[in-house]
Amino acid sequence: MKIKSEDKIRKIADDIRKSGGRAYLVGGSVRDMVNRIQSEDVDVEVFDMEPDKLKEILSRYGKVIFAGRSFGVYKLENIDFSLPKNENKPETDDSDFYVTPQPDCDVKEAARRRDLTMNSIFYDILKEKIIDPYGGLEDIKKKIIRHTDARSFTEDPLRVLRVAQFSARFEYEVAEETSELCKTLVDELVNLPRERIFAELEKLLLKARRPSIGFIWLKGIGALKKLFPELDVLSQVKQDDRHPEGDVFAHTMLSLDVLSIPERTLPVMFAILLHDTGKVTTGSYMNGEIHFYGHARESVEISEKVLRRITSDVKLIEEGLLLIKYHTFPLDLRKEPIEKKQIRRLALKVDVPALLKVHKADKLGRGKPKNIKNIDKVLKVYEEIKNEIKPLVMGRHLVELGMKPSPEFGKILKEIFDAQLNEEFFSVEEGIQFMKKLLKKRKKPDRS
């Protein structure tokens, strides 16, 4: 498997060698090479070289960005160059880790400090030789995730989430001793900076074909209850025979795995993950069936708290909550013909294509085939009207009729736009005629 930027890395490695240092590909770059996967980003670790000298060599090949005390990484385009380092625990719970470079560290010791055996493999690009002191190749072959060194692993509780996202992305089994070790770190997860937690969740939701694998493993070791009790409790919420998959947690996990990776966005995936959290408090029995009336509204309130705990991205939160709020609306669009005015009104509230992805996941996350033909039909109608959901009649048209801007403008324009959505007119000219008739019916506005 050819490594991205291989020729450039080889030239840089040779320059490092000529200056007395040694450069090795390491971590995900080597793991992906072994798995015959193209890595977008490449990691190189440099030994027997001081930071200033490494920066001087890298500067010959382009702009170098230093990623600071928390990472100790020199970035050159898509390649990360680092020196062997000690990771130091923060002095306070909300501090990030910081690193101390150790250029004279040997390869085996550097590999020991890495989290998992499959990430502790080094590759000498000049000699084309793999260095695997902790059996990473064998674990990759057996599809097992195993920690490299217990003492080093427990220095950073974030590694619990890394195990979760790797187990889902590669569909590897987590070694029992690694799961047991992770259980000892569960209580420390809540002290991690939310940015670090979010970064691992993003990889889990967007890169894993079956994100459920990671979440189910987190639940099994008690980590989900600690980080996201709102999700953990869903396994206690039963559903009736219309949901053969079982409880709400089982449904949520199946739903997470429905969309292909190219279909996904973060708002969509967080909406799928959290769309039924409101079922915990809304369950009721009627005519022998379990109903969850109002669960979408309850899910919005719960999900907002969850999302604000892990991100400050206002746009992501707003988009995700809207998808949760309206996730049951496509159920009203099953009858034919689908009216354009329904889709116009829905499109004013929420991203319709994204909503239909959530709906698709919700419907197919039941462990049995479901008819989702209405999704294509709704999308077809949406494509026909998506350019019609902006007001045709604007405030300037009122001004052109001699009206003076006032608080009344908003009310008039809303009434005209409602008429447009109800298909009472279809062009600017028709809208202006409608507006003239409307103004005659209203009290004469102040034109002074």
Protein backbone atom coordinates (compact mmCIF):
# COMPACT_ATOMS: atom_id res chain seq x y z
CA MET A 1 0.00 0.00 0.00
CA LYS A 2 1.51 3.33 -1.04
CA ILE A 3 1.77 5.88 1.77
CA LYS A 4 0.43 9.37 1.10
CA SER A 5 3.32 11.82 0.50
CA GLU A 6 5.73 8.86 0.60
CA ASP A 7 8.38 10.46 -1.62
CA LYS A 8 8.45 13.64 0.45
CA ILE A 9 8.62 11.70 3.73
CA ARG A 10 11.46 9.58 2.38
CA LYS A 11 13.45 12.71 1.43
CA ILE A 12 12.85 14.30 4.83
CA ALA A 13 13.79 11.05 6.61
CA ASP A 14 17.03 10.97 4.65
CA ASP A 15 17.82 14.58 5.64
CA ILE A 16 17.13 13.65 9.27
CA ARG A 17 19.45 10.64 8.95
CA LYS A 18 22.23 12.81 7.51
CA SER A 19 21.89 15.10 10.53
CA GLY A 20 22.23 12.20 12.97
CA GLY A 21 18.56 11.49 13.64
CA ARG A 22 16.14 8.66 12.86
CA ALA A 23 12.62 9.00 11.49
CA TYR A 24 9.87 6.37 11.64
CA LEU A 25 6.29 6.23 10.50
CA VAL A 26 4.18 5.36 13.51
CA GLY A 27 0.67 4.91 14.85
CA GLY A 28 -2.35 5.10 12.60
CA SER A 29 -0.19 5.57 9.51
CA VAL A 30 1.41 2.14 9.98
CA ARG A 31 -1.78 0.50 11.21
CA ASP A 32 -3.61 1.67 8.11
CA MET A 33 -0.74 0.61 5.88
CA VAL A 34 -0.95 -2.91 7.35
CA ASN A 35 -4.73 -2.89 6.82
CA ARG A 36 -4.26 -1.57 3.27
CA ILE A 37 -6.17 1.61 4.07
CA GLN A 38 -5.09 4.99 2.72
CA SER A 39 -4.34 7.34 5.63
CA GLU A 40 -5.21 10.96 5.03
CA ASP A 41 -2.84 12.12 7.77
CA VAL A 42 0.61 10.68 8.37
CA ASP A 43 2.53 10.56 11.68
CA VAL A 44 6.31 10.50 11.85
CA GLU A 45 8.31 10.21 15.07
CA VAL A 46 11.88 11.51 15.08
CA PHE A 47 14.61 10.25 17.42
CA ASP A 48 18.06 11.61 18.39
CA MET A 49 17.28 15.16 17.26
CA GLU A 50 16.61 18.41 19.09
CA PRO A 51 13.37 20.31 18.30
CA ASP A 52 15.09 23.31 16.71
CA LYS A 53 17.06 21.13 14.33
CA LEU A 54 13.94 19.19 13.33
CA LYS A 55 12.10 22.43 12.62
CA GLU A 56 15.01 23.69 10.51
CA ILE A 57 14.97 20.54 8.35
CA LEU A 58 11.18 20.58 7.92
CA SER A 59 11.23 24.27 6.94
CA ARG A 60 13.10 23.34 3.76
CA TYR A 61 9.94 21.60 2.56
CA GLY A 62 7.27 24.18 3.33
CA LYS A 63 5.48 26.08 6.08
CA VAL A 64 5.81 24.41 9.49
CA ILE A 65 3.22 24.88 12.22
CA PHE A 66 4.03 23.96 15.82
CA ALA A 67 1.04 22.56 17.70
CA GLY A 68 2.18 23.74 21.12
CA ARG A 69 2.73 22.35 24.61
CA SER A 70 -0.28 20.04 24.61
CA PHE A 71 0.84 18.11 21.54
CA GLY A 72 4.50 18.81 20.76
CA VAL A 73 3.87 18.26 17.05
CA TYR A 74 5.32 19.98 13.98
CA LYS A 75 2.79 20.00 11.14
CA LEU A 76 3.93 20.07 7.52
CA GLU A 77 0.89 19.87 5.23
CA ASN A 78 -0.75 16.50 6.01
CA ILE A 79 2.27 15.13 7.89
CA ASP A 80 2.73 15.36 11.68
CA PHE A 81 6.31 15.17 12.97
CA SER A 82 6.89 14.64 16.68
CA LEU A 83 9.69 13.78 19.07
CA PRO A 84 9.41 10.96 21.63
CA LYS A 85 7.76 12.45 24.68
CA ASN A 86 6.44 11.99 28.16
CA GLU A 87 2.76 12.80 28.62
CA ASN A 88 2.25 14.63 31.91
CA LYS A 89 -0.99 14.57 33.82
CA PRO A 90 -2.67 17.95 34.30
CA GLU A 91 -2.48 19.72 37.64
CA THR A 92 -6.23 20.40 37.57
CA ASP A 93 -9.12 18.29 36.37
CA ASP A 94 -10.05 20.64 33.51
CA SER A 95 -6.52 21.01 32.13
CA ASP A 96 -5.30 19.22 29.03
CA PHE A 97 -2.22 17.00 28.98
CA TYR A 98 1.13 18.58 28.18
CA VAL A 99 4.23 16.91 26.81
CA THR A 100 7.97 16.92 27.43
CA PRO A 101 10.12 16.00 24.40
CA GLN A 102 12.70 13.24 24.95
CA PRO A 103 14.78 13.04 21.74
CA ASP A 104 17.14 10.37 23.14
CA CYS A 105 14.34 7.89 23.99
CA ASP A 106 14.65 4.47 22.27
CA VAL A 107 12.00 3.06 19.91
CA LYS A 108 10.81 0.31 22.25
CA GLU A 109 10.23 2.76 25.09
CA ALA A 110 8.43 5.17 22.75
CA ALA A 111 6.22 2.33 21.54
CA ARG A 112 5.42 1.33 25.14
CA ARG A 113 3.98 4.78 25.81
CA ARG A 114 1.47 4.51 22.97
CA ASP A 115 -2.09 3.47 23.78
CA LEU A 116 -2.76 0.25 21.84
CA THR A 117 -0.58 -2.46 20.35
CA MET A 118 -1.97 -1.81 16.88
CA ASN A 119 -0.86 1.83 17.23
CA SER A 120 2.57 0.93 18.62
CA ILE A 121 4.08 -0.34 15.37
CA PHE A 122 6.94 1.65 13.82
CA TYR A 123 8.05 1.61 10.18
CA ASP A 124 11.52 2.60 9.01
CA ILE A 125 10.70 4.12 5.63
CA LEU A 126 14.35 4.22 4.52
CA LYS A 127 15.04 0.57 5.32
CA GLU A 128 11.42 -0.46 4.59
CA LYS A 129 11.41 -2.36 7.87
CA ILE A 130 8.61 -2.80 10.44
CA ILE A 131 9.45 -2.62 14.16
CA ASP A 132 6.77 -4.26 16.30
CA PRO A 133 7.94 -4.73 19.91
CA TYR A 134 4.48 -5.36 21.43
CA GLY A 135 2.75 -7.71 19.01
CA GLY A 136 0.59 -5.18 17.20
CA LEU A 137 0.73 -7.06 13.90
CA GLU A 138 -0.59 -10.22 15.50
CA ASP A 139 -3.42 -8.32 17.20
CA ILE A 140 -4.37 -6.71 13.89
CA LYS A 141 -4.38 -10.13 12.30
CA LYS A 142 -6.65 -11.48 15.05
CA LYS A 143 -8.77 -8.30 15.05
CA ILE A 144 -8.14 -7.58 18.71
CA ILE A 145 -7.77 -4.22 20.47
CA ARG A 146 -5.28 -4.52 23.31
CA HIS A 147 -3.53 -1.91 25.44
CA THR A 148 0.24 -1.71 25.05
CA ASP A 149 1.22 -1.04 28.65
CA ALA A 150 -1.15 -0.78 31.64
CA ARG A 151 0.78 1.94 33.46
CA SER A 152 1.12 4.14 30.40
CA PHE A 153 -2.48 3.50 29.27
CA THR A 154 -4.02 4.69 32.53
CA GLU A 155 -2.24 8.04 32.35
CA ASP A 156 -5.03 9.32 30.07
CA PRO A 157 -8.68 8.28 30.62
CA LEU A 158 -9.54 9.51 27.13
CA ARG A 159 -8.12 6.21 25.92
CA VAL A 160 -11.39 4.59 27.01
CA LEU A 161 -13.17 6.54 24.26
CA ARG A 162 -10.38 5.79 21.81
CA VAL A 163 -10.89 2.08 22.41
CA ALA A 164 -14.63 2.56 21.77
CA GLN A 165 -14.18 4.37 18.47
CA PHE A 166 -11.44 2.03 17.25
CA SER A 167 -13.48 -1.06 18.12
CA ALA A 168 -16.37 0.34 16.07
CA ARG A 169 -14.31 1.62 13.14
CA PHE A 170 -12.36 -1.60 12.65
CA GLU A 171 -14.98 -3.93 14.14
CA TYR A 172 -12.35 -5.47 16.39
CA GLU A 173 -13.01 -7.23 19.68
CA VAL A 174 -11.63 -5.54 22.79
CA ALA A 175 -9.34 -7.80 24.80
CA GLU A 176 -10.85 -8.72 28.16
CA GLU A 177 -7.88 -7.36 30.10
CA THR A 178 -8.18 -4.05 28.23
CA SER A 179 -11.89 -3.79 29.03
CA GLU A 180 -11.11 -4.48 32.70
CA LEU A 181 -8.42 -1.80 32.68
CA CYS A 182 -10.81 0.68 31.08
CA LYS A 183 -13.34 0.06 33.87
CA THR A 184 -10.83 1.50 36.33
CA LEU A 185 -10.79 4.79 34.37
CA VAL A 186 -14.55 5.28 34.07
CA ASP A 187 -14.87 7.67 37.02
CA GLU A 188 -12.21 9.95 35.53
CA LEU A 189 -14.04 10.44 32.22
CA VAL A 190 -16.17 13.30 33.55
CA ASN A 191 -13.01 15.31 34.25
CA LEU A 192 -11.89 15.30 30.63
CA PRO A 193 -12.19 18.56 28.64
CA ARG A 194 -15.34 18.37 26.54
CA GLU A 195 -13.37 19.13 23.36
CA ARG A 196 -11.42 15.87 23.77
CA ILE A 197 -14.59 13.87 24.41
CA PHE A 198 -16.30 15.43 21.40
CA ALA A 199 -13.37 14.65 19.08
CA GLU A 200 -13.61 10.92 19.85
CA LEU A 201 -17.42 10.90 19.51
CA GLU A 202 -17.09 12.60 16.14
CA LYS A 203 -14.81 9.83 14.88
CA LEU A 204 -17.12 7.17 16.30
CA LEU A 205 -20.24 8.63 14.67
CA LEU A 206 -18.74 9.57 11.30
CA LYS A 207 -16.02 6.99 10.63
CA ALA A 208 -17.42 3.72 11.97
CA ARG A 209 -19.67 1.65 9.71
CA ARG A 210 -21.40 0.43 12.88
CA PRO A 211 -21.12 3.10 15.61
CA SER A 212 -23.32 0.92 17.83
CA ILE A 213 -20.33 -1.35 18.54
CA GLY A 214 -18.56 1.45 20.40
CA PHE A 215 -21.61 2.61 22.36
CA ILE A 216 -22.59 -0.94 23.37
CA TRP A 217 -19.02 -1.56 24.60
CA LEU A 218 -19.09 1.72 26.57
CA LYS A 219 -22.35 0.64 28.16
CA GLY A 220 -20.88 -2.75 29.04
CA ILE A 221 -17.99 -1.27 31.03
CA GLY A 222 -20.16 1.34 32.77
CA ALA A 223 -18.73 4.33 30.86
CA LEU A 224 -21.99 5.26 29.12
CA LYS A 225 -23.78 5.57 32.45
CA LYS A 226 -21.05 7.92 33.63
CA LEU A 227 -20.83 10.13 30.55
CA PHE A 228 -24.33 9.85 29.07
CA PRO A 229 -26.83 8.51 31.63
CA GLU A 230 -29.60 9.79 29.32
CA LEU A 231 -28.61 7.09 26.83
CA ASP A 232 -27.74 4.38 29.30
CA VAL A 233 -31.22 4.44 30.86
CA LEU A 234 -32.91 3.75 27.50
CA SER A 235 -32.28 0.03 27.98
CA GLN A 236 -34.89 0.15 30.76
CA VAL A 237 -37.59 1.56 28.45
CA LYS A 238 -39.59 -1.28 26.92
CA GLN A 239 -41.51 -1.13 23.63
CA ASP A 240 -44.36 -3.26 22.29
CA ASP A 241 -44.45 -5.76 19.42
CA ARG A 242 -44.33 -2.98 16.83
CA HIS A 243 -40.67 -2.76 17.84
CA PRO A 244 -39.35 -6.32 17.55
CA GLU A 245 -35.83 -5.07 18.23
CA GLY A 246 -36.69 -4.66 21.91
CA ASP A 247 -36.04 -1.72 24.22
CA VAL A 248 -35.33 1.88 23.20
CA PHE A 249 -31.57 1.49 23.60
CA ALA A 250 -31.57 -1.47 21.21
CA HIS A 251 -33.61 0.58 18.74
CA THR A 252 -31.22 3.53 19.02
CA MET A 253 -28.21 1.31 18.39
CA LEU A 254 -29.78 -0.25 15.29
CA SER A 255 -30.73 3.22 14.04
CA LEU A 256 -27.14 4.46 14.39
CA ASP A 257 -25.94 1.80 11.95
CA VAL A 258 -28.48 2.45 9.16
CA LEU A 259 -26.89 5.31 7.21
CA SER A 260 -23.85 4.74 5.05
CA ILE A 261 -20.80 6.80 6.00
CA PRO A 262 -21.13 9.20 3.01
CA GLU A 263 -24.73 10.00 4.05
CA ARG A 264 -23.77 11.18 7.50
CA THR A 265 -23.31 14.59 9.08
CA LEU A 266 -22.80 15.36 12.75
CA PRO A 267 -26.25 16.98 13.25
CA VAL A 268 -27.91 13.96 11.66
CA MET A 269 -25.94 11.42 13.70
CA PHE A 270 -26.42 13.21 17.01
CA ALA A 271 -30.13 13.51 16.21
CA ILE A 272 -30.32 9.75 15.61
CA LEU A 273 -28.38 9.06 18.81
CA LEU A 274 -30.65 11.25 20.96
CA HIS A 275 -34.01 11.23 19.14
CA ASP A 276 -35.77 8.91 21.61
CA THR A 277 -34.27 10.05 24.91
CA GLY A 278 -37.66 11.58 25.78
CA LYS A 279 -39.31 8.16 25.83
CA VAL A 280 -38.03 7.66 29.37
CA THR A 281 -40.72 9.96 30.78
CA THR A 282 -43.53 9.75 28.19
CA GLY A 283 -44.52 6.07 28.04
CA SER A 284 -48.19 5.14 28.47
CA TYR A 285 -50.48 2.16 27.72
CA MET A 286 -53.55 2.45 25.49
CA ASN A 287 -55.55 -0.40 23.97
CA GLY A 288 -52.78 -2.87 24.77
CA GLU A 289 -50.07 -0.79 23.07
CA ILE A 290 -47.26 1.34 24.47
CA HIS A 291 -47.29 4.94 23.26
CA PHE A 292 -44.81 7.76 23.78
CA TYR A 293 -46.90 10.84 23.01
CA GLY A 294 -44.85 14.03 23.17
CA HIS A 295 -41.53 12.20 23.29
CA ALA A 296 -40.02 14.38 20.56
CA ARG A 297 -40.54 17.51 22.65
CA GLU A 298 -39.09 15.82 25.73
CA SER A 299 -36.16 14.52 23.67
CA VAL A 300 -35.31 18.07 22.62
CA GLU A 301 -35.05 19.24 26.24
CA ILE A 302 -32.90 16.28 27.27
CA SER A 303 -30.73 16.41 24.13
CA GLU A 304 -29.96 20.10 24.56
CA LYS A 305 -28.44 19.38 27.96
CA VAL A 306 -26.41 16.50 26.54
CA LEU A 307 -25.10 18.47 23.57
CA ARG A 308 -24.18 21.51 25.65
CA ARG A 309 -22.13 19.25 27.90
CA ILE A 310 -19.91 18.15 25.02
CA THR A 311 -19.78 21.07 22.57
CA SER A 312 -20.04 24.84 22.25
CA ASP A 313 -20.89 24.59 18.54
CA VAL A 314 -24.14 26.56 18.49
CA LYS A 315 -24.94 25.72 14.88
CA LEU A 316 -24.52 21.98 15.48
CA ILE A 317 -26.73 22.13 18.57
CA GLU A 318 -29.46 24.12 16.81
CA GLU A 319 -29.51 21.85 13.74
CA GLY A 320 -29.46 18.68 15.80
CA LEU A 321 -32.29 19.82 18.07
CA LEU A 322 -34.47 20.80 15.09
CA LEU A 323 -34.03 17.34 13.59
CA ILE A 324 -35.03 15.78 16.90
CA LYS A 325 -38.01 18.10 17.29
CA TYR A 326 -39.45 17.21 13.89
CA HIS A 327 -38.27 13.61 13.57
CA THR A 328 -41.81 12.24 13.73
CA PHE A 329 -43.21 14.66 11.10
CA PRO A 330 -42.40 12.45 8.07
CA LEU A 331 -44.97 10.00 9.46
CA ASP A 332 -47.60 12.55 8.38
CA LEU A 333 -46.30 12.45 4.80
CA ARG A 334 -47.18 8.86 4.01
CA LYS A 335 -50.51 9.60 2.36
CA GLU A 336 -50.53 10.38 -1.33
CA PRO A 337 -50.54 12.65 -3.10
CA ILE A 338 -47.94 14.55 -1.07
CA GLU A 339 -48.96 18.20 -1.06
CA LYS A 340 -46.33 20.71 -2.01
CA LYS A 341 -47.55 23.19 0.56
CA GLN A 342 -46.85 20.65 3.33
CA ILE A 343 -43.25 20.34 2.21
CA ARG A 344 -42.89 24.10 1.82
CA ARG A 345 -43.98 24.66 5.40
CA LEU A 346 -41.77 21.87 6.70
CA ALA A 347 -38.76 23.23 4.79
CA LEU A 348 -39.15 26.57 6.56
CA LYS A 349 -38.63 24.83 9.88
CA VAL A 350 -36.00 22.19 9.25
CA ASP A 351 -33.52 20.81 6.71
CA VAL A 352 -35.82 18.37 4.90
CA PRO A 353 -33.15 16.08 3.33
CA ALA A 354 -31.40 15.79 6.72
CA LEU A 355 -34.72 15.11 8.45
CA LEU A 356 -35.48 12.32 6.01
CA LYS A 357 -32.13 10.71 6.83
CA VAL A 358 -33.09 10.68 10.51
CA HIS A 359 -36.50 9.28 9.55
CA LYS A 360 -34.86 6.57 7.45
CA ALA A 361 -32.64 5.53 10.36
CA ASP A 362 -35.59 5.58 12.75
CA LYS A 363 -37.74 3.41 10.49
CA LEU A 364 -35.05 0.89 9.58
CA GLY A 365 -33.69 0.67 13.12
CA ARG A 366 -36.28 -1.94 14.07
CA GLY A 367 -34.56 -5.14 13.16
CA LYS A 368 -36.82 -5.89 10.23
CA PRO A 369 -37.46 -4.42 6.74
CA LYS A 370 -39.78 -1.40 6.56
CA ASN A 371 -41.37 0.40 3.65
CA ILE A 372 -39.61 3.73 3.23
CA LYS A 373 -40.70 4.53 -0.33
CA ASN A 374 -42.29 7.73 0.92
CA ILE A 375 -38.80 9.15 1.55
CA ASP A 376 -37.96 9.23 -2.16
CA LYS A 377 -41.37 10.70 -2.94
CA VAL A 378 -40.97 13.46 -0.37
CA LEU A 379 -37.46 14.21 -1.65
CA LYS A 380 -38.81 14.46 -5.19
CA VAL A 381 -41.40 17.00 -4.12
CA TYR A 382 -38.77 18.87 -2.09
CA GLU A 383 -36.51 19.16 -5.14
CA GLU A 384 -39.44 20.65 -7.04
CA ILE A 385 -40.25 23.31 -4.44
CA LYS A 386 -36.97 24.01 -2.66
CA ASN A 387 -36.51 27.26 -4.56
CA GLU A 388 -40.04 28.36 -3.71
CA ILE A 389 -39.65 28.58 0.06
CA LYS A 390 -38.34 32.12 0.04
CA PRO A 391 -40.88 34.98 0.18
CA LEU A 392 -41.73 36.35 -3.26
CA VAL A 393 -43.15 39.58 -1.87
CA MET A 394 -40.64 41.67 0.09
CA GLY A 395 -40.76 44.81 2.20
CA ARG A 396 -39.58 46.89 -0.74
CA HIS A 397 -42.77 46.02 -2.58
CA LEU A 398 -44.78 47.58 0.26
CA VAL A 399 -42.58 50.66 0.10
CA GLU A 400 -43.17 50.91 -3.64
CA LEU A 401 -46.90 51.06 -2.94
CA GLY A 402 -46.30 54.08 -0.75
CA MET A 403 -46.23 52.45 2.67
CA LYS A 404 -43.87 53.77 5.29
CA PRO A 405 -41.82 51.13 7.19
CA SER A 406 -43.46 50.32 10.51
CA PRO A 407 -44.05 47.39 12.91
CA GLU A 408 -47.09 46.58 10.76
CA PHE A 409 -44.76 45.49 7.94
CA GLY A 410 -43.90 42.20 9.60
CA LYS A 411 -47.53 41.20 10.13
CA ILE A 412 -48.48 42.03 6.55
CA LEU A 413 -45.51 40.19 5.03
CA LYS A 414 -46.19 37.12 7.19
CA GLU A 415 -49.81 37.01 6.03
CA ILE A 416 -48.70 37.33 2.40
CA PHE A 417 -46.05 34.62 2.83
CA ASP A 418 -48.62 32.29 4.41
CA ALA A 419 -50.79 32.81 1.33
CA GLN A 420 -47.82 31.99 -0.88
CA LEU A 421 -47.20 28.73 1.03
CA ASN A 422 -50.90 27.90 0.65
CA GLU A 423 -50.49 28.26 -3.13
CA GLU A 424 -52.75 31.31 -3.42
CA PHE A 425 -50.21 32.82 -5.82
CA PHE A 426 -47.07 31.60 -7.64
CA SER A 427 -45.14 34.66 -8.86
CA VAL A 428 -44.04 38.10 -7.72
CA GLU A 429 -46.65 39.74 -9.95
CA GLU A 430 -49.44 37.58 -8.57
CA GLY A 431 -48.12 38.23 -5.05
CA ILE A 432 -48.28 41.98 -5.53
CA GLN A 433 -51.88 41.72 -6.73
CA PHE A 434 -52.69 39.60 -3.68
CA MET A 435 -50.99 42.20 -1.48
CA LYS A 436 -53.07 45.04 -2.96
CA LYS A 437 -56.28 43.14 -2.25
CA LEU A 438 -55.11 42.37 1.26
CA LEU A 439 -54.29 45.98 2.00
CA LYS A 440 -57.76 47.07 0.88
CA LYS A 441 -59.28 44.69 3.43
CA ARG A 442 -57.12 46.00 6.25
CA LYS A 443 -57.43 49.36 7.91
CA LYS A 444 -55.79 52.05 5.86
CA PRO A 445 -52.14 52.24 7.00
CA ASP A 446 -50.54 55.48 8.10
CA ARG A 447 -48.70 56.96 5.06
CA SER A 448 -47.75 60.22 6.68
